[in-house]
């Protein structure tokens, strides 16, 4: 198991992760964190741009699955309303949810990626399962624990600053 805290790729938002980029990396399955990656913690409603991004990925044939540590019903509700599969209680950075997703889609880890806003869950979990990890900026760190976690991640974010999808 790889314990790297450095993402393979960095993006400002999920919108920078295009179908063309995923195709260039031979990625057929994109696992997505939910909170602060697709929507802020404070809402269940994504922006129109994120909705269009999801549609564009689906239209391009990219398989999509939300892989979230959340235990709240808002994640499955959102996924059902938007035609997405989801795995909740995934226990990232442990491999449970990521491996479950890979098995569900029968995808080799080298053809999968995970995008999320947290190094200690999304990036570490993806790297441990040998899937491509893509780190995005959190949408909104609205409370002290989120801000503190982000500060702890700053050294890894700095080291990986040149791994941008778009330069």
C-alpha atoms as a PDB file:
ATOM      1  CA  UNK A   1       0.000   0.000   0.000  1.00  0.00           C
ATOM      2  CA  UNK A   2       1.346   3.402  -1.033  1.00  0.00           C
ATOM      3  CA  UNK A   3       1.283   5.968   1.750  1.00  0.00           C
ATOM      4  CA  UNK A   4       1.997   9.000  -0.408  1.00  0.00           C
ATOM      5  CA  UNK A   5       0.270  12.216   0.592  1.00  0.00           C
ATOM      6  CA  UNK A   6       1.016  13.829  -2.759  1.00  0.00           C
ATOM      7  CA  UNK A   7      -1.659  13.824  -5.436  1.00  0.00           C
ATOM      8  CA  UNK A   8      -0.808  12.740  -8.961  1.00  0.00           C
ATOM      9  CA  UNK A   9      -2.669  15.813 -10.283  1.00  0.00           C
ATOM     10  CA  UNK A  10      -3.974  19.133  -8.969  1.00  0.00           C
ATOM     11  CA  UNK A  11      -6.901  21.227 -10.177  1.00  0.00           C
ATOM     12  CA  UNK A  12      -8.515  24.363  -8.877  1.00  0.00           C
ATOM     13  CA  UNK A  13     -12.004  22.848  -9.247  1.00  0.00           C
ATOM     14  CA  UNK A  14     -13.561  19.724 -10.713  1.00  0.00           C
ATOM     15  CA  UNK A  15     -14.383  21.782 -13.804  1.00  0.00           C
ATOM     16  CA  UNK A  16     -10.733  21.529 -14.909  1.00  0.00           C
ATOM     17  CA  UNK A  17     -11.049  17.734 -15.136  1.00  0.00           C
ATOM     18  CA  UNK A  18     -12.239  17.402 -18.714  1.00  0.00           C
ATOM     19  CA  UNK A  19     -13.237  14.301 -20.656  1.00  0.00           C
ATOM     20  CA  UNK A  20     -10.206  14.929 -22.902  1.00  0.00           C
ATOM     21  CA  UNK A  21      -7.864  14.992 -19.902  1.00  0.00           C
ATOM     22  CA  UNK A  22      -9.344  11.772 -18.486  1.00  0.00           C
ATOM     23  CA  UNK A  23      -9.065  10.100 -21.895  1.00  0.00           C
ATOM     24  CA  UNK A  24      -5.402  11.190 -22.165  1.00  0.00           C
ATOM     25  CA  UNK A  25      -4.784   9.443 -18.825  1.00  0.00           C
ATOM     26  CA  UNK A  26      -6.765   6.302 -19.838  1.00  0.00           C
ATOM     27  CA  UNK A  27      -9.265   6.977 -17.038  1.00  0.00           C
ATOM     28  CA  UNK A  28     -12.632   5.241 -17.559  1.00  0.00           C
ATOM     29  CA  UNK A  29     -13.983   5.668 -14.012  1.00  0.00           C
ATOM     30  CA  UNK A  30     -13.974   8.875 -11.993  1.00  0.00           C
ATOM     31  CA  UNK A  31     -14.709   8.489  -8.304  1.00  0.00           C
ATOM     32  CA  UNK A  32     -15.757  11.771  -6.732  1.00  0.00           C
ATOM     33  CA  UNK A  33     -15.821  12.985  -3.177  1.00  0.00           C
ATOM     34  CA  UNK A  34     -19.042  14.863  -2.399  1.00  0.00           C
ATOM     35  CA  UNK A  35     -18.673  17.515   0.290  1.00  0.00           C
ATOM     36  CA  UNK A  36     -16.473  20.453  -0.664  1.00  0.00           C
ATOM     37  CA  UNK A  37     -15.639  18.790  -3.986  1.00  0.00           C
ATOM     38  CA  UNK A  38     -18.964  18.762  -5.865  1.00  0.00           C
ATOM     39  CA  UNK A  39     -20.979  20.889  -3.421  1.00  0.00           C
ATOM     40  CA  UNK A  40     -20.131  22.863  -0.268  1.00  0.00           C
ATOM     41  CA  UNK A  41     -20.903  21.229   3.074  1.00  0.00           C
ATOM     42  CA  UNK A  42     -23.641  23.789   3.529  1.00  0.00           C
ATOM     43  CA  UNK A  43     -25.834  22.831   0.543  1.00  0.00           C
ATOM     44  CA  UNK A  44     -26.922  19.901  -1.617  1.00  0.00           C
ATOM     45  CA  UNK A  45     -27.234  21.997  -4.743  1.00  0.00           C
ATOM     46  CA  UNK A  46     -24.286  22.188  -7.134  1.00  0.00           C
ATOM     47  CA  UNK A  47     -23.710  25.115  -9.442  1.00  0.00           C
ATOM     48  CA  UNK A  48     -25.025  25.002 -13.008  1.00  0.00           C
ATOM     49  CA  UNK A  49     -21.395  24.658 -14.134  1.00  0.00           C
ATOM     50  CA  UNK A  50     -20.917  21.522 -12.028  1.00  0.00           C
ATOM     51  CA  UNK A  51     -24.186  20.077 -13.330  1.00  0.00           C
ATOM     52  CA  UNK A  52     -22.992  20.698 -16.901  1.00  0.00           C
ATOM     53  CA  UNK A  53     -19.595  19.172 -16.051  1.00  0.00           C
ATOM     54  CA  UNK A  54     -21.293  15.990 -14.800  1.00  0.00           C
ATOM     55  CA  UNK A  55     -23.407  15.848 -17.963  1.00  0.00           C
ATOM     56  CA  UNK A  56     -20.356  16.360 -20.194  1.00  0.00           C
ATOM     57  CA  UNK A  57     -18.485  13.536 -18.468  1.00  0.00           C
ATOM     58  CA  UNK A  58     -21.465  11.192 -18.782  1.00  0.00           C
ATOM     59  CA  UNK A  59     -21.927  12.131 -22.453  1.00  0.00           C
ATOM     60  CA  UNK A  60     -18.253  11.337 -23.048  1.00  0.00           C
ATOM     61  CA  UNK A  61     -18.738   7.856 -21.586  1.00  0.00           C
ATOM     62  CA  UNK A  62     -16.841   8.421 -18.340  1.00  0.00           C
ATOM     63  CA  UNK A  63     -18.284   6.272 -15.570  1.00  0.00           C
ATOM     64  CA  UNK A  64     -19.013   8.317 -12.453  1.00  0.00           C
ATOM     65  CA  UNK A  65     -19.472   7.293  -8.839  1.00  0.00           C
ATOM     66  CA  UNK A  66     -19.589   9.386  -5.685  1.00  0.00           C
ATOM     67  CA  UNK A  67     -17.409   7.794  -2.996  1.00  0.00           C
ATOM     68  CA  UNK A  68     -18.076   9.594   0.266  1.00  0.00           C
ATOM     69  CA  UNK A  69     -17.353   9.102   3.933  1.00  0.00           C
ATOM     70  CA  UNK A  70     -20.694  10.723   4.699  1.00  0.00           C
ATOM     71  CA  UNK A  71     -23.339   8.817   6.596  1.00  0.00           C
ATOM     72  CA  UNK A  72     -26.007  11.404   5.801  1.00  0.00           C
ATOM     73  CA  UNK A  73     -28.916  10.730   3.458  1.00  0.00           C
ATOM     74  CA  UNK A  74     -28.142  13.861   1.445  1.00  0.00           C
ATOM     75  CA  UNK A  75     -25.482  12.037  -0.599  1.00  0.00           C
ATOM     76  CA  UNK A  76     -27.663   9.135  -1.840  1.00  0.00           C
ATOM     77  CA  UNK A  77     -30.542  11.568  -2.403  1.00  0.00           C
ATOM     78  CA  UNK A  78     -28.363  13.838  -4.548  1.00  0.00           C
ATOM     79  CA  UNK A  79     -26.984  10.867  -6.487  1.00  0.00           C
ATOM     80  CA  UNK A  80     -30.423   9.383  -7.151  1.00  0.00           C
ATOM     81  CA  UNK A  81     -31.748  12.762  -8.337  1.00  0.00           C
ATOM     82  CA  UNK A  82     -28.783  13.163 -10.695  1.00  0.00           C
ATOM     83  CA  UNK A  83     -28.405   9.631 -12.021  1.00  0.00           C
ATOM     84  CA  UNK A  84     -25.145   8.897 -10.224  1.00  0.00           C
ATOM     85  CA  UNK A  85     -24.025   5.804  -8.370  1.00  0.00           C
ATOM     86  CA  UNK A  86     -22.688   6.297  -4.880  1.00  0.00           C
ATOM     87  CA  UNK A  87     -20.879   4.527  -2.100  1.00  0.00           C
ATOM     88  CA  UNK A  88     -21.291   6.087   1.323  1.00  0.00           C
ATOM     89  CA  UNK A  89     -19.593   5.180   4.600  1.00  0.00           C
ATOM     90  CA  UNK A  90     -16.510   4.574   2.445  1.00  0.00           C
ATOM     91  CA  UNK A  91     -14.017   5.036   5.299  1.00  0.00           C
ATOM     92  CA  UNK A  92     -11.413   6.846   3.197  1.00  0.00           C
ATOM     93  CA  UNK A  93      -8.413   6.757   3.456  1.00  0.00           C
ATOM     94  CA  UNK A  94      -8.943   3.063   4.127  1.00  0.00           C
ATOM     95  CA  UNK A  95      -9.500   1.060   0.932  1.00  0.00           C
ATOM     96  CA  UNK A  96     -13.039  -0.216   1.663  1.00  0.00           C
ATOM     97  CA  UNK A  97     -15.103   2.215  -0.433  1.00  0.00           C
ATOM     98  CA  UNK A  98     -12.592   2.700  -3.218  1.00  0.00           C
ATOM     99  CA  UNK A  99     -12.127  -1.054  -3.680  1.00  0.00           C
ATOM    100  CA  UNK A 100     -15.895  -1.551  -3.544  1.00  0.00           C
ATOM    101  CA  UNK A 101     -16.252   0.973  -6.369  1.00  0.00           C
ATOM    102  CA  UNK A 102     -13.514  -0.634  -8.465  1.00  0.00           C
ATOM    103  CA  UNK A 103     -15.207  -4.027  -8.048  1.00  0.00           C
ATOM    104  CA  UNK A 104     -18.653  -2.626  -8.843  1.00  0.00           C
ATOM    105  CA  UNK A 105     -17.383  -1.296 -12.179  1.00  0.00           C
ATOM    106  CA  UNK A 106     -14.873  -4.107 -12.738  1.00  0.00           C
ATOM    107  CA  UNK A 107     -12.198  -1.498 -13.440  1.00  0.00           C
ATOM    108  CA  UNK A 108      -8.456  -1.906 -12.996  1.00  0.00           C
ATOM    109  CA  UNK A 109      -7.075   0.753 -10.623  1.00  0.00           C
ATOM    110  CA  UNK A 110      -4.830   2.102 -13.401  1.00  0.00           C
ATOM    111  CA  UNK A 111      -7.995   3.096 -15.309  1.00  0.00           C
ATOM    112  CA  UNK A 112      -9.622   4.893 -12.389  1.00  0.00           C
ATOM    113  CA  UNK A 113      -9.171   8.223 -10.661  1.00  0.00           C
ATOM    114  CA  UNK A 114     -10.489   9.795  -7.495  1.00  0.00           C
ATOM    115  CA  UNK A 115     -11.058  13.509  -7.109  1.00  0.00           C
ATOM    116  CA  UNK A 116     -11.447  15.174  -3.754  1.00  0.00           C
ATOM    117  CA  UNK A 117     -10.555  18.164  -1.629  1.00  0.00           C
ATOM    118  CA  UNK A 118      -8.759  16.395   1.218  1.00  0.00           C
ATOM    119  CA  UNK A 119      -5.243  14.998   1.214  1.00  0.00           C
ATOM    120  CA  UNK A 120      -5.669  12.869   4.340  1.00  0.00           C
ATOM    121  CA  UNK A 121      -8.732  11.056   2.981  1.00  0.00           C
ATOM    122  CA  UNK A 122      -9.143  11.339  -0.807  1.00  0.00           C
ATOM    123  CA  UNK A 123      -5.511  11.582  -1.946  1.00  0.00           C
ATOM    124  CA  UNK A 124      -4.148   9.099   0.591  1.00  0.00           C
ATOM    125  CA  UNK A 125      -7.005   6.664  -0.073  1.00  0.00           C
ATOM    126  CA  UNK A 126      -6.604   6.876  -3.840  1.00  0.00           C
ATOM    127  CA  UNK A 127      -2.836   6.481  -3.705  1.00  0.00           C
ATOM    128  CA  UNK A 128      -3.187   3.516  -1.359  1.00  0.00           C
ATOM    129  CA  UNK A 129      -5.475   1.779  -3.857  1.00  0.00           C
ATOM    130  CA  UNK A 130      -3.217   2.715  -6.790  1.00  0.00           C
ATOM    131  CA  UNK A 131      -5.808   4.892  -8.518  1.00  0.00           C
ATOM    132  CA  UNK A 132      -4.925   8.303  -9.928  1.00  0.00           C
ATOM    133  CA  UNK A 133      -5.488  10.936  -7.260  1.00  0.00           C
ATOM    134  CA  UNK A 134      -6.653  14.416  -8.219  1.00  0.00           C
ATOM    135  CA  UNK A 135      -6.706  17.087  -5.544  1.00  0.00           C
ATOM    136  CA  UNK A 136      -8.990  20.122  -5.864  1.00  0.00           C
ATOM    137  CA  UNK A 137      -9.289  23.204  -3.709  1.00  0.00           C
ATOM    138  CA  UNK A 138     -12.071  22.919  -1.132  1.00  0.00           C
ATOM    139  CA  UNK A 139     -15.156  24.833  -2.234  1.00  0.00           C
ATOM    140  CA  UNK A 140     -15.650  26.474   1.162  1.00  0.00           C
ATOM    141  CA  UNK A 141     -13.911  25.827   4.486  1.00  0.00           C
ATOM    142  CA  UNK A 142     -16.718  27.260   6.569  1.00  0.00           C
ATOM    143  CA  UNK A 143     -15.660  26.199  10.078  1.00  0.00           C
ATOM    144  CA  UNK A 144     -12.578  25.989  12.253  1.00  0.00           C
ATOM    145  CA  UNK A 145     -11.959  22.210  11.920  1.00  0.00           C
ATOM    146  CA  UNK A 146     -12.009  22.457   8.110  1.00  0.00           C
ATOM    147  CA  UNK A 147      -9.693  25.462   8.175  1.00  0.00           C
ATOM    148  CA  UNK A 148      -7.312  23.672  10.576  1.00  0.00           C
ATOM    149  CA  UNK A 149      -7.218  20.557   8.400  1.00  0.00           C
ATOM    150  CA  UNK A 150      -6.464  22.704   5.366  1.00  0.00           C
ATOM    151  CA  UNK A 151      -3.555  24.365   7.197  1.00  0.00           C
ATOM    152  CA  UNK A 152      -2.124  20.916   8.021  1.00  0.00           C
ATOM    153  CA  UNK A 153      -2.315  20.032   4.315  1.00  0.00           C
ATOM    154  CA  UNK A 154      -0.466  23.155   3.138  1.00  0.00           C
ATOM    155  CA  UNK A 155       3.016  21.551   2.956  1.00  0.00           C
ATOM    156  CA  UNK A 156       1.752  18.762   0.648  1.00  0.00           C
ATOM    157  CA  UNK A 157      -0.248  21.245  -1.399  1.00  0.00           C
ATOM    158  CA  UNK A 158       2.891  23.366  -1.789  1.00  0.00           C
ATOM    159  CA  UNK A 159       5.094  20.420  -2.784  1.00  0.00           C
ATOM    160  CA  UNK A 160       2.542  19.288  -5.396  1.00  0.00           C
ATOM    161  CA  UNK A 161       1.854  22.772  -6.781  1.00  0.00           C
ATOM    162  CA  UNK A 162       3.417  21.944 -10.179  1.00  0.00           C
ATOM    163  CA  UNK A 163       1.171  18.933 -10.791  1.00  0.00           C
ATOM    164  CA  UNK A 164      -1.558  21.096 -12.302  1.00  0.00           C
ATOM    165  CA  UNK A 165      -3.920  19.684 -14.908  1.00  0.00           C
ATOM    166  CA  UNK A 166      -3.993  23.083 -16.574  1.00  0.00           C
ATOM    167  CA  UNK A 167      -0.917  25.235 -16.381  1.00  0.00           C
END
